[in-house]
Amino acid sequence: MKNKCVENQCVAIISMLTFMIFLLIEFPISTSTLISVSKWLTQEKEIIIMRHSEKDKTFSIDILSAKGYLRSYLNPIWFKYNNLVPDCIYAKHSISSGDRTIETAIPFILEFQTPLITNYSRKKISTMVKEIKKSNCIRTLIIWESWEIAEIARLLTGDNNVKGWNSNPYKNHIDVYNMLWIITTQLKVYKTFDIHDTNFDSIADHISHFRPTLMSSF
């Protein structure tokens, strides 16, 4: 009986290989396509978490400030220069705290035609993380509020020792918007670029000089 099962398995494998060879002959695939598929299969997943851009504190509803809008429109340029273009984007949906995360995401969508998922609020973070882990996206960008970012990172890494946005390398997170948390095999914190004024052209001309600066790793 055992030999019979082994024989049947061999026949099934040979039949499958024969069918695959037939498909390759009848529907040839270019070398570049095979290389692309190979790269996709071997690529390591990368998850980038960032805070929304600078907010305007003069209004009761949180919206982006002039610097915030400028940073949001510069972000895609900086991401492109540094080979960090995302395959999909998650932005927090919150009626109570305004749409600053979505406002931060819009320039990415316009520049890269990247799908935007806004189905998740704070209460659904764990569900979002499960979806991201199962996703086919190689590089996922999460745009969120600072005080919930550590919780997302803990769920993604399984490391409960990950501290809050304001723990390292910055002591005060209130005005920190130039930071990325990047997760592959471990969590690393990078600095992006500074905005000292609201002149788009003066910053855009030099944005390529700003490289990700490793600040710390967990």
C-alpha atoms as a PDB file:
ATOM      1  CA  MET A   1       0.000   0.000   0.000  1.00  0.00           C
ATOM      2  CA  LYS A   2       2.847   2.392   0.903  1.00  0.00           C
ATOM      3  CA  ASN A   3       4.645   1.778  -2.410  1.00  0.00           C
ATOM      4  CA  LYS A   4       1.363   2.345  -4.234  1.00  0.00           C
ATOM      5  CA  CYS A   5       0.967   5.774  -2.553  1.00  0.00           C
ATOM      6  CA  VAL A   6       4.534   6.788  -3.434  1.00  0.00           C
ATOM      7  CA  GLU A   7       3.966   5.711  -7.027  1.00  0.00           C
ATOM      8  CA  ASN A   8       0.770   7.797  -7.226  1.00  0.00           C
ATOM      9  CA  GLN A   9       2.583  10.848  -5.807  1.00  0.00           C
ATOM     10  CA  CYS A  10       5.330  10.503  -8.424  1.00  0.00           C
ATOM     11  CA  VAL A  11       2.766  10.295 -11.219  1.00  0.00           C
ATOM     12  CA  ALA A  12       1.037  13.430  -9.897  1.00  0.00           C
ATOM     13  CA  ILE A  13       4.321  15.379  -9.715  1.00  0.00           C
ATOM     14  CA  ILE A  14       5.356  14.316 -13.227  1.00  0.00           C
ATOM     15  CA  SER A  15       1.918  15.289 -14.575  1.00  0.00           C
ATOM     16  CA  MET A  16       2.163  18.735 -12.939  1.00  0.00           C
ATOM     17  CA  LEU A  17       5.669  19.352 -14.318  1.00  0.00           C
ATOM     18  CA  THR A  18       4.557  18.249 -17.797  1.00  0.00           C
ATOM     19  CA  PHE A  19       1.640  20.675 -17.649  1.00  0.00           C
ATOM     20  CA  MET A  20       3.939  23.535 -16.525  1.00  0.00           C
ATOM     21  CA  ILE A  21       6.353  22.843 -19.401  1.00  0.00           C
ATOM     22  CA  PHE A  22       3.400  22.847 -21.808  1.00  0.00           C
ATOM     23  CA  LEU A  23       2.288  26.259 -20.503  1.00  0.00           C
ATOM     24  CA  LEU A  24       5.793  27.695 -20.894  1.00  0.00           C
ATOM     25  CA  ILE A  25       6.001  26.433 -24.479  1.00  0.00           C
ATOM     26  CA  GLU A  26       2.534  27.606 -25.478  1.00  0.00           C
ATOM     27  CA  PHE A  27       2.646  30.868 -23.515  1.00  0.00           C
ATOM     28  CA  PRO A  28       6.312  31.894 -23.320  1.00  0.00           C
ATOM     29  CA  ILE A  29       7.308  34.303 -20.546  1.00  0.00           C
ATOM     30  CA  SER A  30      10.028  36.869 -21.109  1.00  0.00           C
ATOM     31  CA  THR A  31      13.251  36.733 -19.123  1.00  0.00           C
ATOM     32  CA  SER A  32      12.523  40.141 -17.585  1.00  0.00           C
ATOM     33  CA  THR A  33       9.152  38.880 -16.332  1.00  0.00           C
ATOM     34  CA  LEU A  34      10.763  35.799 -14.785  1.00  0.00           C
ATOM     35  CA  ILE A  35      13.351  38.017 -13.078  1.00  0.00           C
ATOM     36  CA  SER A  36      10.617  40.346 -11.787  1.00  0.00           C
ATOM     37  CA  VAL A  37       8.623  37.414 -10.409  1.00  0.00           C
ATOM     38  CA  SER A  38      11.766  35.983  -8.825  1.00  0.00           C
ATOM     39  CA  LYS A  39      12.548  39.318  -7.139  1.00  0.00           C
ATOM     40  CA  TRP A  40       8.960  39.603  -5.895  1.00  0.00           C
ATOM     41  CA  LEU A  41       9.100  36.108  -4.375  1.00  0.00           C
ATOM     42  CA  THR A  42      12.419  36.724  -2.628  1.00  0.00           C
ATOM     43  CA  GLN A  43      11.853  40.319  -1.509  1.00  0.00           C
ATOM     44  CA  GLU A  44      11.573  40.983   2.172  1.00  0.00           C
ATOM     45  CA  LYS A  45       8.463  42.751   3.407  1.00  0.00           C
ATOM     46  CA  GLU A  46       9.016  46.284   4.623  1.00  0.00           C
ATOM     47  CA  ILE A  47       6.566  48.289   6.720  1.00  0.00           C
ATOM     48  CA  ILE A  48       7.051  52.024   7.153  1.00  0.00           C
ATOM     49  CA  ILE A  49       5.198  53.889   9.891  1.00  0.00           C
ATOM     50  CA  MET A  50       5.081  57.660   9.897  1.00  0.00           C
ATOM     51  CA  ARG A  51       3.218  60.345  11.757  1.00  0.00           C
ATOM     52  CA  HIS A  52       0.926  62.714   9.894  1.00  0.00           C
ATOM     53  CA  SER A  53       2.532  66.019   8.891  1.00  0.00           C
ATOM     54  CA  GLU A  54       2.590  69.157  11.052  1.00  0.00           C
ATOM     55  CA  LYS A  55      -0.817  70.176  12.353  1.00  0.00           C
ATOM     56  CA  ASP A  56      -2.332  73.623  12.843  1.00  0.00           C
ATOM     57  CA  LYS A  57      -3.124  74.156  16.520  1.00  0.00           C
ATOM     58  CA  THR A  58      -5.176  77.313  16.037  1.00  0.00           C
ATOM     59  CA  PHE A  59      -8.349  75.440  15.036  1.00  0.00           C
ATOM     60  CA  SER A  60     -10.599  73.212  17.118  1.00  0.00           C
ATOM     61  CA  ILE A  61     -10.551  70.575  14.351  1.00  0.00           C
ATOM     62  CA  ASP A  62      -7.064  69.312  13.641  1.00  0.00           C
ATOM     63  CA  ILE A  63      -5.903  70.127  10.112  1.00  0.00           C
ATOM     64  CA  LEU A  64      -2.439  70.463   8.630  1.00  0.00           C
ATOM     65  CA  SER A  65      -0.518  73.701   8.974  1.00  0.00           C
ATOM     66  CA  ALA A  66       1.301  75.451   6.123  1.00  0.00           C
ATOM     67  CA  LYS A  67       4.440  73.463   6.996  1.00  0.00           C
ATOM     68  CA  GLY A  68       2.323  70.328   7.222  1.00  0.00           C
ATOM     69  CA  TYR A  69       0.932  70.733   3.721  1.00  0.00           C
ATOM     70  CA  LEU A  70       4.422  71.477   2.430  1.00  0.00           C
ATOM     71  CA  ARG A  71       5.870  68.361   4.078  1.00  0.00           C
ATOM     72  CA  SER A  72       3.011  66.264   2.709  1.00  0.00           C
ATOM     73  CA  TYR A  73       3.715  67.364  -0.862  1.00  0.00           C
ATOM     74  CA  LEU A  74       7.467  66.900  -0.429  1.00  0.00           C
ATOM     75  CA  ASN A  75       7.139  63.425   1.098  1.00  0.00           C
ATOM     76  CA  PRO A  76       6.599  61.567  -2.231  1.00  0.00           C
ATOM     77  CA  ILE A  77       9.634  63.316  -3.731  1.00  0.00           C
ATOM     78  CA  TRP A  78      11.776  62.280  -0.764  1.00  0.00           C
ATOM     79  CA  PHE A  79      10.414  58.723  -0.760  1.00  0.00           C
ATOM     80  CA  LYS A  80      11.114  58.377  -4.477  1.00  0.00           C
ATOM     81  CA  TYR A  81      14.699  59.641  -4.172  1.00  0.00           C
ATOM     82  CA  ASN A  82      15.324  57.130  -1.396  1.00  0.00           C
ATOM     83  CA  ASN A  83      13.682  54.121  -3.078  1.00  0.00           C
ATOM     84  CA  LEU A  84      10.903  53.890  -0.507  1.00  0.00           C
ATOM     85  CA  VAL A  85       7.872  54.045  -2.819  1.00  0.00           C
ATOM     86  CA  PRO A  86       5.023  52.139  -1.105  1.00  0.00           C
ATOM     87  CA  ASP A  87       2.830  49.496  -2.739  1.00  0.00           C
ATOM     88  CA  CYS A  88      -0.108  50.289  -0.478  1.00  0.00           C
ATOM     89  CA  ILE A  89      -0.960  52.893   2.158  1.00  0.00           C
ATOM     90  CA  TYR A  90      -2.996  52.722   5.352  1.00  0.00           C
ATOM     91  CA  ALA A  91      -4.178  55.979   6.932  1.00  0.00           C
ATOM     92  CA  LYS A  92      -6.125  56.304  10.156  1.00  0.00           C
ATOM     93  CA  HIS A  93      -9.779  57.217   9.838  1.00  0.00           C
ATOM     94  CA  SER A  94     -10.975  59.415  12.690  1.00  0.00           C
ATOM     95  CA  ILE A  95     -13.953  61.764  12.707  1.00  0.00           C
ATOM     96  CA  SER A  96     -13.054  63.257  16.087  1.00  0.00           C
ATOM     97  CA  SER A  97      -9.443  64.188  15.287  1.00  0.00           C
ATOM     98  CA  GLY A  98      -9.878  65.361  11.705  1.00  0.00           C
ATOM     99  CA  ASP A  99      -8.388  64.000   8.483  1.00  0.00           C
ATOM    100  CA  ARG A 100      -4.744  65.038   8.879  1.00  0.00           C
ATOM    101  CA  THR A 101      -3.565  61.450   8.262  1.00  0.00           C
ATOM    102  CA  ILE A 102      -5.547  61.304   5.022  1.00  0.00           C
ATOM    103  CA  GLU A 103      -4.347  64.794   4.055  1.00  0.00           C
ATOM    104  CA  THR A 104      -0.801  63.497   4.518  1.00  0.00           C
ATOM    105  CA  ALA A 105      -1.564  60.460   2.337  1.00  0.00           C
ATOM    106  CA  ILE A 106      -3.157  62.282  -0.620  1.00  0.00           C
ATOM    107  CA  PRO A 107       0.127  63.434  -2.291  1.00  0.00           C
ATOM    108  CA  PHE A 108       1.392  59.816  -2.207  1.00  0.00           C
ATOM    109  CA  ILE A 109      -1.768  58.658  -3.981  1.00  0.00           C
ATOM    110  CA  LEU A 110      -1.513  61.380  -6.622  1.00  0.00           C
ATOM    111  CA  GLU A 111       2.180  60.728  -7.278  1.00  0.00           C
ATOM    112  CA  PHE A 112       2.337  56.929  -7.134  1.00  0.00           C
ATOM    113  CA  GLN A 113      -1.280  55.862  -7.789  1.00  0.00           C
ATOM    114  CA  THR A 114      -1.005  53.801  -4.636  1.00  0.00           C
ATOM    115  CA  PRO A 115      -4.132  52.215  -3.108  1.00  0.00           C
ATOM    116  CA  LEU A 116      -5.260  53.959   0.081  1.00  0.00           C
ATOM    117  CA  ILE A 117      -6.991  51.984   2.837  1.00  0.00           C
ATOM    118  CA  THR A 118      -8.875  54.068   5.424  1.00  0.00           C
ATOM    119  CA  ASN A 119     -11.098  51.415   6.994  1.00  0.00           C
ATOM    120  CA  TYR A 120      -9.355  51.360  10.346  1.00  0.00           C
ATOM    121  CA  SER A 121      -9.553  53.438  13.511  1.00  0.00           C
ATOM    122  CA  ARG A 122      -7.822  52.934  16.859  1.00  0.00           C
ATOM    123  CA  LYS A 123     -10.228  50.170  17.911  1.00  0.00           C
ATOM    124  CA  LYS A 124      -9.400  48.178  14.768  1.00  0.00           C
ATOM    125  CA  ILE A 125      -5.597  48.378  14.878  1.00  0.00           C
ATOM    126  CA  SER A 126      -5.153  44.645  15.550  1.00  0.00           C
ATOM    127  CA  THR A 127      -7.404  43.781  12.585  1.00  0.00           C
ATOM    128  CA  MET A 128      -5.398  46.141  10.361  1.00  0.00           C
ATOM    129  CA  VAL A 129      -2.095  44.554  11.430  1.00  0.00           C
ATOM    130  CA  LYS A 130      -3.416  41.064  10.607  1.00  0.00           C
ATOM    131  CA  GLU A 131      -4.435  42.298   7.153  1.00  0.00           C
ATOM    132  CA  ILE A 132      -1.032  43.897   6.545  1.00  0.00           C
ATOM    133  CA  LYS A 133       0.787  40.704   7.533  1.00  0.00           C
ATOM    134  CA  LYS A 134      -1.267  38.699   5.016  1.00  0.00           C
ATOM    135  CA  SER A 135      -1.058  41.379   2.316  1.00  0.00           C
ATOM    136  CA  ASN A 136       0.825  40.890  -0.963  1.00  0.00           C
ATOM    137  CA  CYS A 137       2.305  44.378  -0.648  1.00  0.00           C
ATOM    138  CA  ILE A 138       6.097  44.319  -0.406  1.00  0.00           C
ATOM    139  CA  ARG A 139       6.305  47.822   1.055  1.00  0.00           C
ATOM    140  CA  THR A 140       3.433  49.138   3.162  1.00  0.00           C
ATOM    141  CA  LEU A 141       3.194  52.698   4.454  1.00  0.00           C
ATOM    142  CA  ILE A 142       1.145  53.404   7.579  1.00  0.00           C
ATOM    143  CA  ILE A 143       0.251  57.038   8.334  1.00  0.00           C
ATOM    144  CA  TRP A 144      -1.057  57.428  11.853  1.00  0.00           C
ATOM    145  CA  GLU A 145      -1.226  59.528  15.004  1.00  0.00           C
ATOM    146  CA  SER A 146       1.917  59.519  17.128  1.00  0.00           C
ATOM    147  CA  TRP A 147       0.429  58.228  20.366  1.00  0.00           C
ATOM    148  CA  GLU A 148      -0.811  54.994  18.712  1.00  0.00           C
ATOM    149  CA  ILE A 149       2.236  54.201  16.581  1.00  0.00           C
ATOM    150  CA  ALA A 150       4.022  52.176  19.274  1.00  0.00           C
ATOM    151  CA  GLU A 151       0.993  49.912  19.646  1.00  0.00           C
ATOM    152  CA  ILE A 152       1.034  49.199  15.903  1.00  0.00           C
ATOM    153  CA  ALA A 153       4.780  48.459  16.016  1.00  0.00           C
ATOM    154  CA  ARG A 154       4.365  46.081  18.961  1.00  0.00           C
ATOM    155  CA  LEU A 155       1.711  44.109  17.117  1.00  0.00           C
ATOM    156  CA  LEU A 156       3.756  43.984  13.914  1.00  0.00           C
ATOM    157  CA  THR A 157       7.008  42.915  15.578  1.00  0.00           C
ATOM    158  CA  GLY A 158       5.643  40.913  18.501  1.00  0.00           C
ATOM    159  CA  ASP A 159       8.017  42.898  20.716  1.00  0.00           C
ATOM    160  CA  ASN A 160       6.203  44.350  23.721  1.00  0.00           C
ATOM    161  CA  ASN A 161       9.333  46.293  24.690  1.00  0.00           C
ATOM    162  CA  VAL A 162       8.855  48.797  21.849  1.00  0.00           C
ATOM    163  CA  LYS A 163       8.422  52.175  23.512  1.00  0.00           C
ATOM    164  CA  GLY A 164       6.401  55.177  22.430  1.00  0.00           C
ATOM    165  CA  TRP A 165       7.048  57.686  19.665  1.00  0.00           C
ATOM    166  CA  ASN A 166       8.664  60.059  22.174  1.00  0.00           C
ATOM    167  CA  SER A 167      11.026  57.530  23.790  1.00  0.00           C
ATOM    168  CA  ASN A 168      13.999  57.461  21.428  1.00  0.00           C
ATOM    169  CA  PRO A 169      15.728  59.340  19.892  1.00  0.00           C
ATOM    170  CA  TYR A 170      13.503  62.294  20.795  1.00  0.00           C
ATOM    171  CA  LYS A 171      12.470  63.237  24.321  1.00  0.00           C
ATOM    172  CA  ASN A 172       9.492  65.287  23.212  1.00  0.00           C
ATOM    173  CA  HIS A 173       7.290  63.952  20.418  1.00  0.00           C
ATOM    174  CA  ILE A 174       4.896  66.905  20.222  1.00  0.00           C
ATOM    175  CA  ASP A 175       6.659  68.689  17.364  1.00  0.00           C
ATOM    176  CA  VAL A 176       8.480  65.751  15.777  1.00  0.00           C
ATOM    177  CA  TYR A 177       7.280  65.020  12.249  1.00  0.00           C
ATOM    178  CA  ASN A 178      10.542  64.120  10.480  1.00  0.00           C
ATOM    179  CA  MET A 179      10.783  60.526  11.642  1.00  0.00           C
ATOM    180  CA  LEU A 180      10.064  57.100  10.132  1.00  0.00           C
ATOM    181  CA  TRP A 181       9.797  53.740  11.864  1.00  0.00           C
ATOM    182  CA  ILE A 182      10.833  51.051   9.385  1.00  0.00           C
ATOM    183  CA  ILE A 183      10.197  47.377  10.144  1.00  0.00           C
ATOM    184  CA  THR A 184      11.809  44.477   8.272  1.00  0.00           C
ATOM    185  CA  THR A 185      13.500  41.910  10.497  1.00  0.00           C
ATOM    186  CA  GLN A 186      13.673  44.542  13.249  1.00  0.00           C
ATOM    187  CA  LEU A 187      12.407  48.036  13.983  1.00  0.00           C
ATOM    188  CA  LYS A 188      14.677  50.935  13.057  1.00  0.00           C
ATOM    189  CA  VAL A 189      14.069  54.666  13.502  1.00  0.00           C
ATOM    190  CA  TYR A 190      15.175  57.085  10.782  1.00  0.00           C
ATOM    191  CA  LYS A 191      15.199  60.850  10.438  1.00  0.00           C
ATOM    192  CA  THR A 192      13.865  62.251   7.148  1.00  0.00           C
ATOM    193  CA  PHE A 193      14.108  65.984   6.349  1.00  0.00           C
ATOM    194  CA  ASP A 194      13.616  69.297   8.132  1.00  0.00           C
ATOM    195  CA  ILE A 195      11.402  72.204   7.098  1.00  0.00           C
ATOM    196  CA  HIS A 196      12.602  75.617   8.262  1.00  0.00           C
ATOM    197  CA  ASP A 197      10.334  77.721   6.044  1.00  0.00           C
ATOM    198  CA  THR A 198       7.375  77.299   3.716  1.00  0.00           C
ATOM    199  CA  ASN A 199       9.157  77.993   0.422  1.00  0.00           C
ATOM    200  CA  PHE A 200       8.377  74.901  -1.672  1.00  0.00           C
ATOM    201  CA  ASP A 201      10.946  75.549  -4.404  1.00  0.00           C
ATOM    202  CA  SER A 202      13.870  76.169  -2.064  1.00  0.00           C
ATOM    203  CA  ILE A 203      13.288  72.874  -0.245  1.00  0.00           C
ATOM    204  CA  ALA A 204      12.245  70.799  -3.281  1.00  0.00           C
ATOM    205  CA  ASP A 205      15.481  71.734  -5.069  1.00  0.00           C
ATOM    206  CA  HIS A 206      17.530  70.219  -2.235  1.00  0.00           C
ATOM    207  CA  ILE A 207      15.281  67.359  -1.151  1.00  0.00           C
ATOM    208  CA  SER A 208      17.500  64.771  -2.855  1.00  0.00           C
ATOM    209  CA  HIS A 209      20.325  65.645  -0.445  1.00  0.00           C
ATOM    210  CA  PHE A 210      18.322  64.463   2.558  1.00  0.00           C
ATOM    211  CA  ARG A 211      19.038  60.771   3.099  1.00  0.00           C
ATOM    212  CA  PRO A 212      17.466  58.563   5.781  1.00  0.00           C
ATOM    213  CA  THR A 213      19.576  58.938   8.928  1.00  0.00           C
ATOM    214  CA  LEU A 214      19.501  55.984  11.289  1.00  0.00           C
ATOM    215  CA  MET A 215      18.704  57.257  14.752  1.00  0.00           C
ATOM    216  CA  SER A 216      18.194  54.033  16.691  1.00  0.00           C
ATOM    217  CA  SER A 217      17.029  50.437  16.458  1.00  0.00           C
ATOM    218  CA  PHE A 218      14.985  48.246  18.774  1.00  0.00           C
END
